[in-house]
Amino acid sequence: MNIHINRPRYAAKDCYRFECLDCKKKTFALAFFQHWHGWHTTCLNCGRQYDDGQWVTLEFCRGIRKQNKDWAKNTWRSLVGVTKTIDMKGVC
């Protein structure tokens, strides 16, 4: 018997200004909320990623910061119906 749960990956998204701990500047960040994982945030200036406020280790490869910024921008554009408020439908 196979069980498949179909639900959207991200429940909320947000764009806000914050002071990045890596580039030490006030910059914009894109954040995405996943149930069971919390907020995933990407600095649009340096490409540093945070999970619930904690640094995510950078992979050791060329251009990873640019890839992180591009991923955040593309994910933001693809989430058309997702708003800032966290949707708890189907969770409880």
N, C-alpha and C. Protein backbone atom coordinates (compact mmCIF):
# COMPACT_ATOMS: atom_id res chain seq x y z
N MET A 1 0.84 -1.17 0.00
CA MET A 1 0.00 0.00 0.00
C MET A 1 0.89 1.24 0.00
N ASN A 2 0.69 2.11 -0.96
CA ASN A 2 1.46 3.35 -1.06
C ASN A 2 0.61 4.53 -0.60
N ILE A 3 1.17 5.37 0.21
CA ILE A 3 0.50 6.58 0.67
C ILE A 3 1.24 7.77 0.10
N HIS A 4 0.51 8.65 -0.57
CA HIS A 4 1.10 9.84 -1.16
C HIS A 4 0.34 11.06 -0.65
N ILE A 5 1.05 11.98 -0.01
CA ILE A 5 0.44 13.20 0.50
C ILE A 5 0.82 14.32 -0.46
N ASN A 6 -0.20 14.94 -1.03
CA ASN A 6 0.03 16.01 -2.00
C ASN A 6 -0.33 17.34 -1.35
N ARG A 7 0.68 18.19 -1.16
CA ARG A 7 0.46 19.51 -0.59
C ARG A 7 1.52 20.46 -1.15
N PRO A 8 1.25 21.75 -1.14
CA PRO A 8 2.24 22.69 -1.66
C PRO A 8 3.51 22.70 -0.80
N ARG A 9 4.62 22.93 -1.43
CA ARG A 9 5.89 22.89 -0.72
C ARG A 9 6.05 24.08 0.23
N TYR A 10 5.69 25.27 -0.24
CA TYR A 10 5.84 26.47 0.58
C TYR A 10 4.48 27.02 0.95
N ALA A 11 4.30 27.37 2.23
CA ALA A 11 3.03 27.86 2.73
C ALA A 11 2.97 29.39 2.77
N ALA A 12 4.13 30.06 2.80
CA ALA A 12 4.17 31.52 2.85
C ALA A 12 5.49 32.00 2.27
N LYS A 13 5.49 33.27 1.84
CA LYS A 13 6.72 33.90 1.36
C LYS A 13 6.74 35.33 1.86
N ASP A 14 7.94 35.89 1.97
CA ASP A 14 8.08 37.25 2.47
C ASP A 14 9.34 37.88 1.88
N CYS A 15 9.28 39.18 1.67
CA CYS A 15 10.44 39.96 1.24
C CYS A 15 10.59 41.09 2.25
N TYR A 16 11.76 41.20 2.86
CA TYR A 16 11.96 42.21 3.89
C TYR A 16 13.41 42.66 3.93
N ARG A 17 13.66 43.78 4.63
CA ARG A 17 15.02 44.29 4.82
C ARG A 17 15.55 43.79 6.15
N PHE A 18 16.81 43.39 6.16
CA PHE A 18 17.45 42.96 7.40
C PHE A 18 18.94 43.23 7.29
N GLU A 19 19.63 43.12 8.41
CA GLU A 19 21.08 43.30 8.41
C GLU A 19 21.73 41.92 8.33
N CYS A 20 22.33 41.64 7.21
CA CYS A 20 22.95 40.33 6.97
C CYS A 20 24.20 40.18 7.84
N LEU A 21 24.34 39.03 8.47
CA LEU A 21 25.49 38.79 9.33
C LEU A 21 26.75 38.51 8.53
N ASP A 22 26.60 38.14 7.27
CA ASP A 22 27.75 37.79 6.44
C ASP A 22 28.32 39.01 5.72
N CYS A 23 27.48 39.78 5.03
CA CYS A 23 27.97 40.93 4.27
C CYS A 23 27.92 42.23 5.07
N LYS A 24 27.34 42.18 6.29
CA LYS A 24 27.31 43.31 7.22
C LYS A 24 26.62 44.54 6.64
N LYS A 25 25.59 44.34 5.81
CA LYS A 25 24.86 45.44 5.20
C LYS A 25 23.37 45.25 5.43
N LYS A 26 22.64 46.38 5.42
CA LYS A 26 21.19 46.29 5.42
C LYS A 26 20.76 46.02 3.99
N THR A 27 20.15 44.90 3.77
CA THR A 27 19.82 44.48 2.42
C THR A 27 18.46 43.78 2.43
N PHE A 28 18.00 43.41 1.26
CA PHE A 28 16.74 42.69 1.14
C PHE A 28 16.98 41.19 1.21
N ALA A 29 15.97 40.50 1.72
CA ALA A 29 16.03 39.05 1.80
C ALA A 29 14.69 38.49 1.33
N LEU A 30 14.76 37.32 0.71
CA LEU A 30 13.56 36.58 0.35
C LEU A 30 13.46 35.40 1.30
N ALA A 31 12.28 35.20 1.87
CA ALA A 31 12.08 34.12 2.84
C ALA A 31 10.89 33.27 2.42
N PHE A 32 11.01 31.96 2.63
CA PHE A 32 9.97 31.00 2.28
C PHE A 32 9.71 30.13 3.50
N PHE A 33 8.42 29.89 3.81
CA PHE A 33 8.04 29.11 4.98
C PHE A 33 7.57 27.73 4.56
N GLN A 34 8.17 26.69 5.16
CA GLN A 34 7.76 25.30 4.96
C GLN A 34 7.28 24.76 6.30
N HIS A 35 6.16 24.06 6.28
CA HIS A 35 5.71 23.41 7.51
C HIS A 35 6.75 22.37 7.91
N TRP A 36 6.98 22.21 9.16
CA TRP A 36 7.92 21.27 9.77
C TRP A 36 9.37 21.72 9.63
N HIS A 37 9.67 22.74 8.79
CA HIS A 37 11.05 23.18 8.62
C HIS A 37 11.25 24.63 9.02
N GLY A 38 10.22 25.45 8.97
CA GLY A 38 10.34 26.87 9.33
C GLY A 38 10.71 27.74 8.14
N TRP A 39 11.27 28.90 8.45
CA TRP A 39 11.61 29.89 7.42
C TRP A 39 12.98 29.60 6.82
N HIS A 40 13.05 29.67 5.50
CA HIS A 40 14.31 29.55 4.75
C HIS A 40 14.53 30.91 4.10
N THR A 41 15.62 31.60 4.46
CA THR A 41 15.87 32.97 4.04
C THR A 41 17.15 33.05 3.23
N THR A 42 17.13 33.89 2.18
CA THR A 42 18.31 34.11 1.35
C THR A 42 18.57 35.60 1.23
N CYS A 43 19.80 36.04 1.54
CA CYS A 43 20.21 37.43 1.38
C CYS A 43 20.40 37.70 -0.12
N LEU A 44 19.77 38.77 -0.62
CA LEU A 44 19.88 39.07 -2.05
C LEU A 44 21.15 39.85 -2.39
N ASN A 45 21.94 40.24 -1.39
CA ASN A 45 23.19 40.93 -1.65
C ASN A 45 24.35 39.95 -1.78
N CYS A 46 24.48 39.03 -0.82
CA CYS A 46 25.64 38.14 -0.82
C CYS A 46 25.30 36.67 -1.10
N GLY A 47 24.01 36.30 -1.05
CA GLY A 47 23.63 34.93 -1.34
C GLY A 47 23.69 33.98 -0.16
N ARG A 48 23.95 34.49 1.03
CA ARG A 48 23.99 33.65 2.23
C ARG A 48 22.58 33.17 2.55
N GLN A 49 22.46 31.91 2.95
CA GLN A 49 21.16 31.34 3.29
C GLN A 49 21.08 31.06 4.78
N TYR A 50 19.88 31.22 5.33
CA TYR A 50 19.60 30.98 6.74
C TYR A 50 18.39 30.07 6.85
N ASP A 51 18.43 29.13 7.79
CA ASP A 51 17.28 28.31 8.14
C ASP A 51 16.91 28.63 9.58
N ASP A 52 15.74 29.23 9.75
CA ASP A 52 15.27 29.67 11.07
C ASP A 52 16.31 30.53 11.78
N GLY A 53 16.97 31.42 11.05
CA GLY A 53 17.94 32.34 11.63
C GLY A 53 19.35 31.80 11.78
N GLN A 54 19.58 30.54 11.47
CA GLN A 54 20.91 29.93 11.58
C GLN A 54 21.55 29.83 10.20
N TRP A 55 22.85 30.12 10.13
CA TRP A 55 23.56 30.02 8.86
C TRP A 55 23.48 28.62 8.28
N VAL A 56 23.33 28.55 6.97
CA VAL A 56 23.42 27.29 6.24
C VAL A 56 24.83 27.24 5.65
N THR A 57 25.51 26.13 5.81
CA THR A 57 26.87 26.03 5.28
C THR A 57 26.84 26.13 3.75
N LEU A 58 27.83 26.83 3.22
CA LEU A 58 27.93 26.99 1.77
C LEU A 58 28.65 25.78 1.17
N GLU A 59 28.15 25.34 0.05
CA GLU A 59 28.83 24.26 -0.66
C GLU A 59 30.15 24.79 -1.22
N PHE A 60 31.12 23.90 -1.33
CA PHE A 60 32.43 24.31 -1.84
C PHE A 60 32.45 24.13 -3.36
N CYS A 61 31.87 25.11 -4.05
CA CYS A 61 31.90 25.11 -5.51
C CYS A 61 31.83 26.55 -6.01
N ARG A 62 32.27 26.74 -7.21
CA ARG A 62 32.32 28.07 -7.79
C ARG A 62 30.92 28.61 -8.07
N GLY A 63 30.67 29.85 -7.67
CA GLY A 63 29.42 30.52 -7.98
C GLY A 63 28.22 30.11 -7.14
N ILE A 64 28.46 29.53 -5.96
CA ILE A 64 27.34 29.05 -5.15
C ILE A 64 26.48 30.20 -4.64
N ARG A 65 27.07 31.35 -4.33
CA ARG A 65 26.29 32.48 -3.85
C ARG A 65 25.35 33.02 -4.94
N LYS A 66 25.83 33.08 -6.17
CA LYS A 66 24.98 33.51 -7.28
C LYS A 66 23.87 32.49 -7.52
N GLN A 67 24.19 31.22 -7.40
CA GLN A 67 23.16 30.18 -7.56
C GLN A 67 22.10 30.30 -6.47
N ASN A 68 22.51 30.62 -5.25
CA ASN A 68 21.55 30.79 -4.16
C ASN A 68 20.61 31.97 -4.43
N LYS A 69 21.17 33.09 -4.91
CA LYS A 69 20.34 34.26 -5.22
C LYS A 69 19.39 33.95 -6.38
N ASP A 70 19.88 33.29 -7.41
CA ASP A 70 19.03 32.94 -8.55
C ASP A 70 17.92 31.98 -8.14
N TRP A 71 18.24 31.00 -7.28
CA TRP A 71 17.23 30.06 -6.80
C TRP A 71 16.13 30.80 -6.06
N ALA A 72 16.51 31.73 -5.18
CA ALA A 72 15.52 32.48 -4.39
C ALA A 72 14.62 33.31 -5.30
N LYS A 73 15.21 33.99 -6.27
CA LYS A 73 14.42 34.82 -7.19
C LYS A 73 13.47 33.97 -8.03
N ASN A 74 13.95 32.86 -8.55
CA ASN A 74 13.10 31.99 -9.36
C ASN A 74 11.98 31.36 -8.54
N THR A 75 12.29 30.97 -7.31
CA THR A 75 11.26 30.40 -6.43
C THR A 75 10.22 31.45 -6.10
N TRP A 76 10.65 32.69 -5.84
CA TRP A 76 9.72 33.77 -5.55
C TRP A 76 8.76 33.99 -6.72
N ARG A 77 9.30 34.00 -7.93
CA ARG A 77 8.47 34.22 -9.12
C ARG A 77 7.50 33.07 -9.37
N SER A 78 7.90 31.86 -9.02
CA SER A 78 7.05 30.69 -9.29
C SER A 78 5.90 30.54 -8.29
N LEU A 79 6.01 31.16 -7.12
CA LEU A 79 4.96 31.04 -6.09
C LEU A 79 3.95 32.17 -6.27
N VAL A 80 3.06 32.00 -7.23
CA VAL A 80 2.11 33.05 -7.58
C VAL A 80 1.01 33.20 -6.54
N GLY A 81 0.42 32.11 -6.08
CA GLY A 81 -0.71 32.19 -5.17
C GLY A 81 -0.36 32.22 -3.70
N VAL A 82 0.92 32.21 -3.37
CA VAL A 82 1.35 32.16 -1.96
C VAL A 82 1.49 33.59 -1.44
N THR A 83 1.00 33.85 -0.22
CA THR A 83 1.03 35.19 0.37
C THR A 83 1.96 35.21 1.59
N LYS A 84 1.97 36.36 2.29
CA LYS A 84 2.81 36.50 3.49
C LYS A 84 2.28 35.71 4.67
N THR A 85 0.97 35.54 4.74
CA THR A 85 0.38 34.84 5.89
C THR A 85 0.57 33.34 5.75
N ILE A 86 0.86 32.70 6.87
CA ILE A 86 1.11 31.27 6.86
C ILE A 86 -0.22 30.53 6.78
N ASP A 87 -0.34 29.67 5.79
CA ASP A 87 -1.55 28.90 5.58
C ASP A 87 -1.41 27.57 6.30
N MET A 88 -2.30 27.31 7.26
CA MET A 88 -2.24 26.09 8.04
C MET A 88 -3.22 25.02 7.56
N LYS A 89 -3.76 25.19 6.35
CA LYS A 89 -4.70 24.21 5.82
C LYS A 89 -3.99 22.89 5.58
N GLY A 90 -4.61 21.82 5.98
CA GLY A 90 -4.07 20.50 5.72
C GLY A 90 -2.94 20.09 6.64
N VAL A 91 -2.60 20.90 7.64
CA VAL A 91 -1.49 20.56 8.52
C VAL A 91 -2.00 19.85 9.76
N CYS A 92 -3.07 20.35 10.35
CA CYS A 92 -3.60 19.76 11.59
C CYS A 92 -4.66 18.73 11.31
